[in-house]
Amino acid sequence: MHDISELELRGVPGMFVASDQFVDAANAQSTSLGFASVARVFTPHPIQDRTDDEMVAYADAAFDEILASITATDPE
């Protein structure tokens, strides 16, 4: 989260991907860093014991949302 906030401060679009087990932690940390609206995409949890094919499926499922997050324009 610190890396993403640093990128955003430098004007580089940033977002993060995490498994859905970390939704509450991501919300708390992004809020505490002053970046409550930082883009994020969550995948199913757990990931550590997934096969390569399962990980590819997770990535494929999240791809459009990730792409939209990093290419979105700031309305300000």
N, C-alpha and C. Protein backbone atom coordinates (compact mmCIF):
# COMPACT_ATOMS: atom_id res chain seq x y z
N MET A 1 0.82 -1.19 0.00
CA MET A 1 0.00 0.00 0.00
C MET A 1 0.86 1.25 0.00
N HIS A 2 1.97 1.23 0.73
CA HIS A 2 2.86 2.40 0.74
C HIS A 2 3.39 2.68 -0.66
N ASP A 3 3.73 1.63 -1.40
CA ASP A 3 4.25 1.82 -2.76
C ASP A 3 3.19 2.46 -3.66
N ILE A 4 1.97 2.01 -3.54
CA ILE A 4 0.90 2.56 -4.37
C ILE A 4 0.66 4.03 -4.04
N SER A 5 0.64 4.36 -2.76
CA SER A 5 0.42 5.76 -2.38
C SER A 5 1.58 6.63 -2.88
N GLU A 6 2.80 6.11 -2.85
CA GLU A 6 3.96 6.86 -3.36
C GLU A 6 3.84 7.08 -4.87
N LEU A 7 3.42 6.07 -5.59
CA LEU A 7 3.22 6.23 -7.03
C LEU A 7 2.18 7.30 -7.32
N GLU A 8 1.07 7.23 -6.61
CA GLU A 8 0.00 8.20 -6.81
C GLU A 8 0.48 9.62 -6.52
N LEU A 9 1.28 9.79 -5.47
CA LEU A 9 1.81 11.11 -5.14
C LEU A 9 2.70 11.65 -6.25
N ARG A 10 3.34 10.75 -6.99
CA ARG A 10 4.22 11.14 -8.10
C ARG A 10 3.47 11.28 -9.42
N GLY A 11 2.15 11.07 -9.39
CA GLY A 11 1.35 11.19 -10.59
C GLY A 11 1.33 9.96 -11.46
N VAL A 12 1.83 8.84 -10.95
CA VAL A 12 1.83 7.59 -11.69
C VAL A 12 0.59 6.80 -11.25
N PRO A 13 -0.27 6.42 -12.19
CA PRO A 13 -1.45 5.65 -11.80
C PRO A 13 -1.06 4.37 -11.09
N GLY A 14 -1.72 4.10 -10.01
CA GLY A 14 -1.42 2.90 -9.25
C GLY A 14 -2.68 2.25 -8.73
N MET A 15 -2.60 0.98 -8.50
CA MET A 15 -3.69 0.22 -7.90
C MET A 15 -3.07 -1.05 -7.36
N PHE A 16 -3.83 -1.79 -6.58
CA PHE A 16 -3.26 -3.03 -6.08
C PHE A 16 -4.24 -4.18 -6.21
N VAL A 17 -3.67 -5.37 -6.20
CA VAL A 17 -4.44 -6.60 -6.28
C VAL A 17 -4.11 -7.41 -5.04
N ALA A 18 -5.14 -7.91 -4.39
CA ALA A 18 -4.97 -8.76 -3.21
C ALA A 18 -6.09 -9.77 -3.17
N SER A 19 -5.95 -10.79 -2.36
CA SER A 19 -7.04 -11.73 -2.23
C SER A 19 -8.11 -11.16 -1.30
N ASP A 20 -9.32 -11.64 -1.46
CA ASP A 20 -10.46 -11.05 -0.75
C ASP A 20 -10.41 -11.23 0.77
N GLN A 21 -9.49 -11.99 1.26
CA GLN A 21 -9.29 -12.12 2.71
C GLN A 21 -8.81 -10.79 3.31
N PHE A 22 -8.26 -9.92 2.48
CA PHE A 22 -7.61 -8.70 2.96
C PHE A 22 -8.40 -7.42 2.69
N VAL A 23 -9.68 -7.53 2.42
CA VAL A 23 -10.51 -6.35 2.15
C VAL A 23 -10.48 -5.38 3.32
N ASP A 24 -10.76 -5.86 4.52
CA ASP A 24 -10.81 -4.97 5.69
C ASP A 24 -9.45 -4.33 5.97
N ALA A 25 -8.39 -5.12 5.87
CA ALA A 25 -7.04 -4.59 6.11
C ALA A 25 -6.67 -3.55 5.06
N ALA A 26 -7.02 -3.80 3.81
CA ALA A 26 -6.73 -2.84 2.74
C ALA A 26 -7.48 -1.54 2.95
N ASN A 27 -8.74 -1.64 3.33
CA ASN A 27 -9.53 -0.44 3.60
C ASN A 27 -8.93 0.37 4.75
N ALA A 28 -8.56 -0.31 5.82
CA ALA A 28 -7.99 0.38 6.98
C ALA A 28 -6.66 1.05 6.64
N GLN A 29 -5.78 0.32 5.96
CA GLN A 29 -4.46 0.88 5.68
C GLN A 29 -4.54 2.01 4.66
N SER A 30 -5.35 1.85 3.62
CA SER A 30 -5.44 2.92 2.63
C SER A 30 -6.04 4.18 3.26
N THR A 31 -6.98 4.02 4.14
CA THR A 31 -7.56 5.17 4.84
C THR A 31 -6.52 5.84 5.73
N SER A 32 -5.75 5.04 6.46
CA SER A 32 -4.76 5.61 7.37
C SER A 32 -3.65 6.34 6.61
N LEU A 33 -3.40 5.94 5.35
CA LEU A 33 -2.38 6.60 4.53
C LEU A 33 -2.94 7.80 3.77
N GLY A 34 -4.24 8.03 3.89
CA GLY A 34 -4.86 9.15 3.20
C GLY A 34 -5.21 8.85 1.75
N PHE A 35 -5.28 7.59 1.40
CA PHE A 35 -5.63 7.18 0.04
C PHE A 35 -6.79 6.20 0.07
N ALA A 36 -7.86 6.58 0.73
CA ALA A 36 -9.01 5.68 0.89
C ALA A 36 -9.62 5.27 -0.45
N SER A 37 -9.44 6.10 -1.47
CA SER A 37 -10.05 5.79 -2.76
C SER A 37 -9.10 5.10 -3.74
N VAL A 38 -7.92 4.68 -3.27
CA VAL A 38 -6.98 4.02 -4.18
C VAL A 38 -7.66 2.80 -4.80
N ALA A 39 -7.45 2.61 -6.09
CA ALA A 39 -8.07 1.50 -6.81
C ALA A 39 -7.53 0.18 -6.30
N ARG A 40 -8.42 -0.79 -6.25
CA ARG A 40 -8.04 -2.12 -5.75
C ARG A 40 -8.91 -3.17 -6.41
N VAL A 41 -8.35 -4.33 -6.61
CA VAL A 41 -9.07 -5.47 -7.15
C VAL A 41 -8.77 -6.65 -6.24
N PHE A 42 -9.80 -7.37 -5.89
CA PHE A 42 -9.63 -8.53 -5.01
C PHE A 42 -9.94 -9.81 -5.77
N THR A 43 -9.12 -10.82 -5.53
CA THR A 43 -9.29 -12.13 -6.13
C THR A 43 -9.76 -13.11 -5.05
N PRO A 44 -10.20 -14.29 -5.44
CA PRO A 44 -10.57 -15.28 -4.43
C PRO A 44 -9.38 -15.67 -3.56
N HIS A 45 -9.68 -16.07 -2.36
CA HIS A 45 -8.67 -16.50 -1.39
C HIS A 45 -8.93 -17.96 -1.08
N PRO A 46 -7.93 -18.76 -0.84
CA PRO A 46 -6.49 -18.47 -0.84
C PRO A 46 -5.89 -18.61 -2.23
N ILE A 47 -4.69 -18.11 -2.38
CA ILE A 47 -4.00 -18.26 -3.66
C ILE A 47 -2.75 -19.13 -3.57
N GLN A 48 -2.21 -19.30 -2.36
CA GLN A 48 -0.92 -19.98 -2.25
C GLN A 48 -0.94 -21.43 -2.70
N ASP A 49 -2.09 -22.09 -2.66
CA ASP A 49 -2.13 -23.49 -3.05
C ASP A 49 -2.87 -23.72 -4.37
N ARG A 50 -3.01 -22.66 -5.16
CA ARG A 50 -3.69 -22.76 -6.45
C ARG A 50 -2.73 -23.32 -7.50
N THR A 51 -3.28 -24.04 -8.44
CA THR A 51 -2.48 -24.54 -9.55
C THR A 51 -2.19 -23.38 -10.52
N ASP A 52 -1.27 -23.61 -11.43
CA ASP A 52 -1.00 -22.59 -12.44
C ASP A 52 -2.26 -22.25 -13.23
N ASP A 53 -3.02 -23.26 -13.60
CA ASP A 53 -4.24 -23.02 -14.36
C ASP A 53 -5.25 -22.20 -13.55
N GLU A 54 -5.36 -22.48 -12.27
CA GLU A 54 -6.27 -21.70 -11.42
C GLU A 54 -5.81 -20.25 -11.31
N MET A 55 -4.51 -20.04 -11.19
CA MET A 55 -3.99 -18.67 -11.10
C MET A 55 -4.23 -17.92 -12.41
N VAL A 56 -4.08 -18.59 -13.53
CA VAL A 56 -4.37 -17.96 -14.82
C VAL A 56 -5.85 -17.59 -14.88
N ALA A 57 -6.72 -18.44 -14.38
CA ALA A 57 -8.15 -18.15 -14.37
C ALA A 57 -8.44 -16.94 -13.48
N TYR A 58 -7.80 -16.86 -12.32
CA TYR A 58 -7.97 -15.70 -11.43
C TYR A 58 -7.52 -14.42 -12.14
N ALA A 59 -6.37 -14.49 -12.80
CA ALA A 59 -5.84 -13.32 -13.51
C ALA A 59 -6.76 -12.92 -14.66
N ASP A 60 -7.22 -13.89 -15.41
CA ASP A 60 -8.14 -13.61 -16.52
C ASP A 60 -9.42 -12.95 -16.00
N ALA A 61 -9.93 -13.43 -14.89
CA ALA A 61 -11.17 -12.89 -14.33
C ALA A 61 -10.99 -11.45 -13.85
N ALA A 62 -9.80 -11.11 -13.39
CA ALA A 62 -9.54 -9.78 -12.84
C ALA A 62 -9.00 -8.79 -13.86
N PHE A 63 -8.57 -9.27 -15.02
CA PHE A 63 -7.85 -8.44 -15.99
C PHE A 63 -8.61 -7.17 -16.37
N ASP A 64 -9.85 -7.29 -16.77
CA ASP A 64 -10.60 -6.12 -17.23
C ASP A 64 -10.73 -5.07 -16.13
N GLU A 65 -10.97 -5.52 -14.90
CA GLU A 65 -11.09 -4.59 -13.78
C GLU A 65 -9.75 -3.92 -13.47
N ILE A 66 -8.68 -4.66 -13.55
CA ILE A 66 -7.34 -4.09 -13.34
C ILE A 66 -7.03 -3.06 -14.42
N LEU A 67 -7.26 -3.41 -15.66
CA LEU A 67 -7.00 -2.49 -16.77
C LEU A 67 -7.83 -1.21 -16.62
N ALA A 68 -9.09 -1.37 -16.28
CA ALA A 68 -9.95 -0.19 -16.09
C ALA A 68 -9.44 0.68 -14.95
N SER A 69 -8.94 0.06 -13.90
CA SER A 69 -8.44 0.82 -12.75
C SER A 69 -7.21 1.65 -13.08
N ILE A 70 -6.31 1.11 -13.87
CA ILE A 70 -5.07 1.84 -14.14
C ILE A 70 -5.19 2.79 -15.31
N THR A 71 -6.27 2.68 -16.06
CA THR A 71 -6.45 3.60 -17.19
C THR A 71 -7.55 4.62 -16.97
N ALA A 72 -8.19 4.56 -15.82
CA ALA A 72 -9.27 5.51 -15.52
C ALA A 72 -8.69 6.92 -15.40
N THR A 73 -9.45 7.88 -15.85
CA THR A 73 -9.00 9.26 -15.73
C THR A 73 -9.60 9.86 -14.48
N ASP A 74 -8.84 10.70 -13.84
CA ASP A 74 -9.28 11.39 -12.63
C ASP A 74 -10.20 12.54 -13.04
N PRO A 75 -11.42 12.58 -12.51
CA PRO A 75 -12.34 13.63 -12.93
C PRO A 75 -11.96 15.04 -12.47
N GLU A 76 -10.95 15.17 -11.63
CA GLU A 76 -10.57 16.51 -11.12
C GLU A 76 -9.74 17.21 -12.11
